């Protein structure tokens, strides 16, 4: 139960930051720079958010968890991230998962998918002090 709770906290932190940055990206950056550039500018910020959130989670709750448990935290957070994102895509945009995947920019979409993998494994990668 502690792993699930910690995974949810990790997800909420990163998703909340991504939600706010997504609003900035969509409202101000995309109209000025285009989708690809805006998403690529957001990526390093989201990477930093992921590292900071994972580091905080591991330092705060880390002594309770083994290496495999920290990976579980990341996988729980990833599952929540994908579930929420796909639900929002299907509901708000009214498109299928296949249409959503096909509509992603090949460059920024690849970076996004790589960031999802990093998001999942980051609790495992950061060190406890």
N, C-alpha and C. Protein backbone atom coordinates (compact mmCIF):
# COMPACT_ATOMS: atom_id res chain seq x y z
N UNK A 1 0.82 -1.20 0.00
CA UNK A 1 0.00 0.00 0.00
C UNK A 1 0.86 1.26 0.00
N UNK A 2 2.02 1.21 0.69
CA UNK A 2 2.91 2.37 0.72
C UNK A 2 3.51 2.64 -0.65
N UNK A 3 3.79 1.58 -1.40
CA UNK A 3 4.33 1.76 -2.74
C UNK A 3 3.29 2.44 -3.63
N UNK A 4 2.05 2.01 -3.54
CA UNK A 4 0.97 2.62 -4.32
C UNK A 4 0.80 4.09 -3.97
N UNK A 5 0.77 4.40 -2.69
CA UNK A 5 0.62 5.78 -2.23
C UNK A 5 1.78 6.65 -2.74
N UNK A 6 2.99 6.13 -2.64
CA UNK A 6 4.15 6.89 -3.08
C UNK A 6 4.13 7.08 -4.60
N UNK A 7 3.72 6.05 -5.33
CA UNK A 7 3.59 6.17 -6.79
C UNK A 7 2.57 7.23 -7.18
N UNK A 8 1.48 7.29 -6.44
CA UNK A 8 0.46 8.31 -6.70
C UNK A 8 1.01 9.70 -6.43
N UNK A 9 1.73 9.86 -5.35
CA UNK A 9 2.32 11.17 -5.02
C UNK A 9 3.29 11.60 -6.11
N UNK A 10 4.14 10.69 -6.54
CA UNK A 10 5.11 10.97 -7.61
C UNK A 10 4.37 11.38 -8.89
N UNK A 11 3.33 10.65 -9.24
CA UNK A 11 2.53 10.97 -10.42
C UNK A 11 1.91 12.36 -10.29
N UNK A 12 1.31 12.67 -9.15
CA UNK A 12 0.62 13.95 -8.96
C UNK A 12 1.60 15.12 -9.13
N UNK A 13 2.79 14.99 -8.58
CA UNK A 13 3.78 16.07 -8.69
C UNK A 13 4.15 16.31 -10.15
N UNK A 14 4.50 15.25 -10.85
CA UNK A 14 4.96 15.40 -12.23
C UNK A 14 3.80 15.77 -13.15
N UNK A 15 2.64 15.14 -12.96
CA UNK A 15 1.49 15.47 -13.80
C UNK A 15 1.06 16.92 -13.57
N UNK A 16 1.05 17.36 -12.33
CA UNK A 16 0.67 18.75 -12.04
C UNK A 16 1.58 19.74 -12.73
N UNK A 17 2.87 19.49 -12.65
CA UNK A 17 3.82 20.38 -13.34
C UNK A 17 3.61 20.31 -14.85
N UNK A 18 3.42 19.12 -15.37
CA UNK A 18 3.18 18.97 -16.81
C UNK A 18 1.90 19.64 -17.26
N UNK A 19 0.88 19.58 -16.43
CA UNK A 19 -0.39 20.24 -16.76
C UNK A 19 -0.20 21.74 -16.87
N UNK A 20 0.51 22.32 -15.89
CA UNK A 20 0.76 23.76 -15.93
C UNK A 20 1.64 24.15 -17.12
N UNK A 21 2.70 23.39 -17.33
CA UNK A 21 3.58 23.68 -18.47
C UNK A 21 2.86 23.47 -19.80
N UNK A 22 1.98 22.49 -19.84
CA UNK A 22 1.20 22.26 -21.06
C UNK A 22 0.30 23.43 -21.40
N UNK A 23 -0.26 24.05 -20.38
CA UNK A 23 -1.09 25.23 -20.62
C UNK A 23 -0.24 26.37 -21.18
N UNK A 24 0.93 26.59 -20.60
CA UNK A 24 1.84 27.62 -21.10
C UNK A 24 2.24 27.31 -22.55
N UNK A 25 2.60 26.06 -22.78
CA UNK A 25 3.02 25.64 -24.12
C UNK A 25 1.91 25.88 -25.14
N UNK A 26 0.72 25.42 -24.80
CA UNK A 26 -0.40 25.50 -25.75
C UNK A 26 -0.84 26.94 -26.00
N UNK A 27 -0.91 27.74 -24.95
CA UNK A 27 -1.44 29.10 -25.09
C UNK A 27 -0.42 30.10 -25.64
N UNK A 28 0.84 29.95 -25.27
CA UNK A 28 1.81 30.97 -25.64
C UNK A 28 2.90 30.49 -26.60
N UNK A 29 3.40 29.30 -26.42
CA UNK A 29 4.54 28.87 -27.24
C UNK A 29 4.13 28.31 -28.59
N UNK A 30 3.11 27.46 -28.64
CA UNK A 30 2.71 26.85 -29.91
C UNK A 30 2.34 27.90 -30.96
N UNK A 31 1.53 28.91 -30.62
CA UNK A 31 1.19 29.90 -31.65
C UNK A 31 2.41 30.68 -32.18
N UNK A 32 3.42 30.82 -31.36
CA UNK A 32 4.58 31.61 -31.77
C UNK A 32 5.68 30.77 -32.42
N UNK A 33 5.85 29.53 -31.93
CA UNK A 33 7.00 28.73 -32.36
C UNK A 33 6.64 27.44 -33.08
N UNK A 34 5.39 27.03 -33.00
CA UNK A 34 4.98 25.75 -33.57
C UNK A 34 5.01 24.64 -32.53
N UNK A 35 4.32 23.57 -32.84
CA UNK A 35 4.18 22.47 -31.89
C UNK A 35 5.50 21.81 -31.57
N UNK A 36 6.28 21.49 -32.59
CA UNK A 36 7.53 20.77 -32.35
C UNK A 36 8.47 21.56 -31.44
N UNK A 37 8.70 22.80 -31.77
CA UNK A 37 9.64 23.61 -30.99
C UNK A 37 9.12 23.80 -29.56
N UNK A 38 7.82 24.04 -29.42
CA UNK A 38 7.24 24.24 -28.09
C UNK A 38 7.40 22.98 -27.23
N UNK A 39 7.13 21.82 -27.81
CA UNK A 39 7.26 20.57 -27.07
C UNK A 39 8.72 20.28 -26.74
N UNK A 40 9.62 20.58 -27.66
CA UNK A 40 11.04 20.36 -27.40
C UNK A 40 11.57 21.32 -26.33
N UNK A 41 11.02 22.52 -26.24
CA UNK A 41 11.42 23.45 -25.19
C UNK A 41 10.89 23.01 -23.82
N UNK A 42 9.75 22.37 -23.82
CA UNK A 42 9.14 21.90 -22.57
C UNK A 42 9.87 20.65 -22.03
N UNK A 43 10.44 19.85 -22.90
CA UNK A 43 11.04 18.57 -22.51
C UNK A 43 12.12 18.68 -21.44
N UNK A 44 13.11 19.58 -21.56
CA UNK A 44 14.12 19.64 -20.51
C UNK A 44 13.57 20.09 -19.16
N UNK A 45 12.55 20.92 -19.20
CA UNK A 45 11.92 21.36 -17.95
C UNK A 45 11.22 20.17 -17.29
N UNK A 46 10.51 19.37 -18.09
CA UNK A 46 9.85 18.20 -17.54
C UNK A 46 10.86 17.16 -17.06
N UNK A 47 11.99 17.06 -17.73
CA UNK A 47 13.04 16.17 -17.25
C UNK A 47 13.52 16.61 -15.87
N UNK A 48 13.75 17.91 -15.72
CA UNK A 48 14.19 18.44 -14.42
C UNK A 48 13.13 18.21 -13.35
N UNK A 49 11.87 18.41 -13.68
CA UNK A 49 10.78 18.17 -12.73
C UNK A 49 10.77 16.71 -12.32
N UNK A 50 10.96 15.82 -13.27
CA UNK A 50 10.98 14.38 -13.00
C UNK A 50 12.12 14.02 -12.05
N UNK A 51 13.30 14.56 -12.30
CA UNK A 51 14.46 14.27 -11.44
C UNK A 51 14.22 14.80 -10.03
N UNK A 52 13.76 16.02 -9.92
CA UNK A 52 13.53 16.63 -8.60
C UNK A 52 12.44 15.87 -7.85
N UNK A 53 11.35 15.54 -8.54
CA UNK A 53 10.26 14.81 -7.89
C UNK A 53 10.71 13.42 -7.44
N UNK A 54 11.43 12.72 -8.29
CA UNK A 54 11.91 11.38 -7.93
C UNK A 54 12.89 11.46 -6.77
N UNK A 55 13.77 12.44 -6.81
CA UNK A 55 14.74 12.60 -5.73
C UNK A 55 14.02 12.89 -4.41
N UNK A 56 13.02 13.75 -4.44
CA UNK A 56 12.27 14.06 -3.23
C UNK A 56 11.53 12.82 -2.71
N UNK A 57 10.89 12.09 -3.62
CA UNK A 57 10.15 10.88 -3.24
C UNK A 57 11.08 9.87 -2.59
N UNK A 58 12.24 9.65 -3.21
CA UNK A 58 13.17 8.66 -2.68
C UNK A 58 13.76 9.11 -1.35
N UNK A 59 14.08 10.38 -1.23
CA UNK A 59 14.61 10.86 0.06
C UNK A 59 13.56 10.83 1.15
N UNK A 60 12.35 11.18 0.80
CA UNK A 60 11.26 11.25 1.79
C UNK A 60 10.80 9.86 2.20
N UNK A 61 10.62 8.96 1.21
CA UNK A 61 10.06 7.64 1.47
C UNK A 61 11.05 6.51 1.22
N UNK A 62 12.22 6.81 0.67
CA UNK A 62 13.19 5.82 0.23
C UNK A 62 13.61 4.78 1.24
N UNK A 63 13.84 5.14 2.50
CA UNK A 63 14.26 4.12 3.46
C UNK A 63 13.25 2.98 3.62
N UNK A 64 12.01 3.22 3.21
CA UNK A 64 10.99 2.19 3.32
C UNK A 64 11.05 1.18 2.19
N UNK A 65 11.78 1.50 1.12
CA UNK A 65 11.65 0.71 -0.09
C UNK A 65 12.96 0.10 -0.56
N UNK A 66 12.84 -1.08 -1.13
CA UNK A 66 13.97 -1.74 -1.78
C UNK A 66 14.12 -1.19 -3.20
N UNK A 67 15.13 -1.65 -3.88
CA UNK A 67 15.35 -1.25 -5.26
C UNK A 67 14.14 -1.58 -6.13
N UNK A 68 13.62 -2.78 -5.99
CA UNK A 68 12.47 -3.19 -6.80
C UNK A 68 11.22 -2.40 -6.44
N UNK A 69 11.09 -2.03 -5.21
CA UNK A 69 9.95 -1.21 -4.80
C UNK A 69 10.00 0.17 -5.43
N UNK A 70 11.21 0.74 -5.53
CA UNK A 70 11.35 2.06 -6.17
C UNK A 70 10.99 1.97 -7.64
N UNK A 71 11.36 0.87 -8.29
CA UNK A 71 10.93 0.68 -9.67
C UNK A 71 9.42 0.55 -9.75
N UNK A 72 8.83 -0.13 -8.79
CA UNK A 72 7.37 -0.25 -8.74
C UNK A 72 6.69 1.10 -8.61
N UNK A 73 7.27 1.99 -7.82
CA UNK A 73 6.73 3.34 -7.67
C UNK A 73 6.69 4.03 -9.03
N UNK A 74 7.79 3.94 -9.77
CA UNK A 74 7.84 4.56 -11.09
C UNK A 74 6.85 3.94 -12.06
N UNK A 75 6.69 2.64 -12.01
CA UNK A 75 5.75 1.97 -12.92
C UNK A 75 4.30 2.29 -12.57
N UNK A 76 4.01 2.40 -11.28
CA UNK A 76 2.66 2.83 -10.88
C UNK A 76 2.39 4.24 -11.38
N UNK A 77 3.34 5.13 -11.19
CA UNK A 77 3.18 6.51 -11.66
C UNK A 77 3.02 6.55 -13.18
N UNK A 78 3.80 5.74 -13.89
CA UNK A 78 3.67 5.69 -15.36
C UNK A 78 2.29 5.18 -15.76
N UNK A 79 1.82 4.15 -15.11
CA UNK A 79 0.48 3.64 -15.43
C UNK A 79 -0.59 4.70 -15.23
N UNK A 80 -0.49 5.44 -14.14
CA UNK A 80 -1.44 6.53 -13.89
C UNK A 80 -1.32 7.62 -14.94
N UNK A 81 -0.08 7.96 -15.30
CA UNK A 81 0.15 8.99 -16.31
C UNK A 81 -0.49 8.60 -17.64
N UNK A 82 -0.25 7.37 -18.07
CA UNK A 82 -0.82 6.91 -19.34
C UNK A 82 -2.34 6.84 -19.27
N UNK A 83 -2.87 6.35 -18.17
CA UNK A 83 -4.33 6.25 -18.04
C UNK A 83 -4.99 7.62 -18.09
N UNK A 84 -4.44 8.58 -17.36
CA UNK A 84 -5.02 9.92 -17.35
C UNK A 84 -4.86 10.58 -18.71
N UNK A 85 -3.68 10.48 -19.29
CA UNK A 85 -3.45 11.12 -20.58
C UNK A 85 -4.35 10.53 -21.66
N UNK A 86 -4.43 9.23 -21.73
CA UNK A 86 -5.25 8.61 -22.77
C UNK A 86 -6.73 8.88 -22.55
N UNK A 87 -7.15 8.93 -21.30
CA UNK A 87 -8.54 9.27 -21.01
C UNK A 87 -8.84 10.69 -21.45
N UNK A 88 -7.94 11.62 -21.13
CA UNK A 88 -8.14 13.00 -21.54
C UNK A 88 -8.13 13.14 -23.06
N UNK A 89 -7.23 12.43 -23.72
CA UNK A 89 -7.15 12.50 -25.18
C UNK A 89 -8.45 11.99 -25.79
N UNK A 90 -8.91 10.85 -25.32
CA UNK A 90 -10.14 10.29 -25.88
C UNK A 90 -11.35 11.18 -25.59
N UNK A 91 -11.38 11.74 -24.41
CA UNK A 91 -12.54 12.53 -24.00
C UNK A 91 -12.50 13.95 -24.56
N UNK A 92 -11.40 14.67 -24.36
CA UNK A 92 -11.34 16.07 -24.76
C UNK A 92 -11.20 16.26 -26.26
N UNK A 93 -10.34 15.49 -26.87
CA UNK A 93 -10.09 15.67 -28.29
C UNK A 93 -10.99 14.82 -29.17
N UNK A 94 -11.62 13.83 -28.59
CA UNK A 94 -12.55 13.00 -29.34
C UNK A 94 -11.88 12.18 -30.44
N UNK A 95 -10.65 11.73 -30.19
CA UNK A 95 -9.95 10.91 -31.17
C UNK A 95 -9.54 9.59 -30.52
N UNK A 96 -9.20 8.63 -31.36
CA UNK A 96 -8.78 7.33 -30.85
C UNK A 96 -7.31 7.37 -30.45
N UNK A 97 -6.89 6.33 -29.75
CA UNK A 97 -5.48 6.23 -29.36
C UNK A 97 -4.59 6.16 -30.59
N UNK A 98 -5.04 5.41 -31.61
CA UNK A 98 -4.25 5.30 -32.84
C UNK A 98 -4.12 6.66 -33.54
N UNK A 99 -5.21 7.43 -33.57
CA UNK A 99 -5.15 8.76 -34.17
C UNK A 99 -4.24 9.69 -33.38
N UNK A 100 -4.30 9.57 -32.06
CA UNK A 100 -3.44 10.38 -31.21
C UNK A 100 -1.97 10.06 -31.46
N UNK A 101 -1.65 8.80 -31.49
CA UNK A 101 -0.27 8.38 -31.72
C UNK A 101 0.22 8.84 -33.10
N UNK A 102 -0.64 8.70 -34.11
CA UNK A 102 -0.26 9.11 -35.46
C UNK A 102 -0.12 10.62 -35.59
N UNK A 103 -0.84 11.37 -34.75
CA UNK A 103 -0.79 12.83 -34.85
C UNK A 103 0.43 13.43 -34.16
N UNK A 104 1.15 12.64 -33.38
CA UNK A 104 2.33 13.17 -32.66
C UNK A 104 3.43 13.50 -33.66
N UNK A 105 4.12 14.56 -33.40
CA UNK A 105 5.28 14.93 -34.20
C UNK A 105 6.35 13.85 -34.03
N UNK A 106 6.99 13.41 -35.12
CA UNK A 106 7.96 12.33 -34.98
C UNK A 106 9.15 12.67 -34.08
N UNK A 107 9.59 13.91 -34.08
CA UNK A 107 10.75 14.29 -33.27
C UNK A 107 10.34 14.53 -31.82
N UNK A 108 9.42 15.45 -31.60
CA UNK A 108 9.03 15.75 -30.22
C UNK A 108 8.25 14.59 -29.60
N UNK A 109 7.56 13.81 -30.41
CA UNK A 109 6.86 12.64 -29.91
C UNK A 109 7.84 11.59 -29.38
N UNK A 110 8.93 11.39 -30.10
CA UNK A 110 9.96 10.45 -29.66
C UNK A 110 10.58 10.92 -28.34
N UNK A 111 10.83 12.21 -28.24
CA UNK A 111 11.38 12.76 -26.99
C UNK A 111 10.37 12.55 -25.86
N UNK A 112 9.11 12.77 -26.14
CA UNK A 112 8.07 12.57 -25.13
C UNK A 112 8.03 11.13 -24.64
N UNK A 113 8.06 10.18 -25.57
CA UNK A 113 8.03 8.77 -25.17
C UNK A 113 9.28 8.39 -24.37
N UNK A 114 10.42 8.95 -24.75
CA UNK A 114 11.65 8.71 -23.98
C UNK A 114 11.51 9.28 -22.56
N UNK A 115 10.89 10.45 -22.44
CA UNK A 115 10.67 11.04 -21.11
C UNK A 115 9.73 10.19 -20.26
N UNK A 116 8.78 9.52 -20.89
CA UNK A 116 7.90 8.62 -20.14
C UNK A 116 8.69 7.45 -19.55
N UNK A 117 9.61 6.91 -20.34
CA UNK A 117 10.45 5.82 -19.85
C UNK A 117 11.33 6.32 -18.71
N UNK A 118 11.91 7.49 -18.89
CA UNK A 118 12.75 8.08 -17.84
C UNK A 118 11.93 8.32 -16.58
N UNK A 119 10.72 8.82 -16.75
CA UNK A 119 9.80 9.04 -15.63
C UNK A 119 9.58 7.74 -14.85
N UNK A 120 9.41 6.64 -15.56
CA UNK A 120 9.15 5.36 -14.91
C UNK A 120 10.35 4.84 -14.12
N UNK A 121 11.56 5.07 -14.63
CA UNK A 121 12.73 4.49 -13.97
C UNK A 121 13.48 5.47 -13.06
N UNK A 122 13.11 6.73 -13.07
CA UNK A 122 13.84 7.72 -12.29
C UNK A 122 13.87 7.41 -10.79
N UNK A 123 12.79 6.94 -10.16
CA UNK A 123 12.92 6.62 -8.73
C UNK A 123 13.98 5.56 -8.46
N UNK A 124 14.21 4.71 -9.41
CA UNK A 124 15.25 3.70 -9.28
C UNK A 124 16.65 4.30 -9.46
N UNK A 125 16.77 5.32 -10.29
CA UNK A 125 18.07 5.88 -10.64
C UNK A 125 18.61 6.89 -9.64
N UNK A 126 17.72 7.63 -8.98
CA UNK A 126 18.21 8.65 -8.05
C UNK A 126 18.71 8.00 -6.77
N UNK A 127 19.63 8.68 -6.12
CA UNK A 127 20.27 8.12 -4.93
C UNK A 127 19.62 8.65 -3.66
N UNK A 128 19.63 7.80 -2.67
CA UNK A 128 19.20 8.22 -1.34
C UNK A 128 20.41 8.77 -0.61
N UNK A 129 20.20 9.76 0.23
CA UNK A 129 21.32 10.29 1.04
C UNK A 129 21.08 9.99 2.49
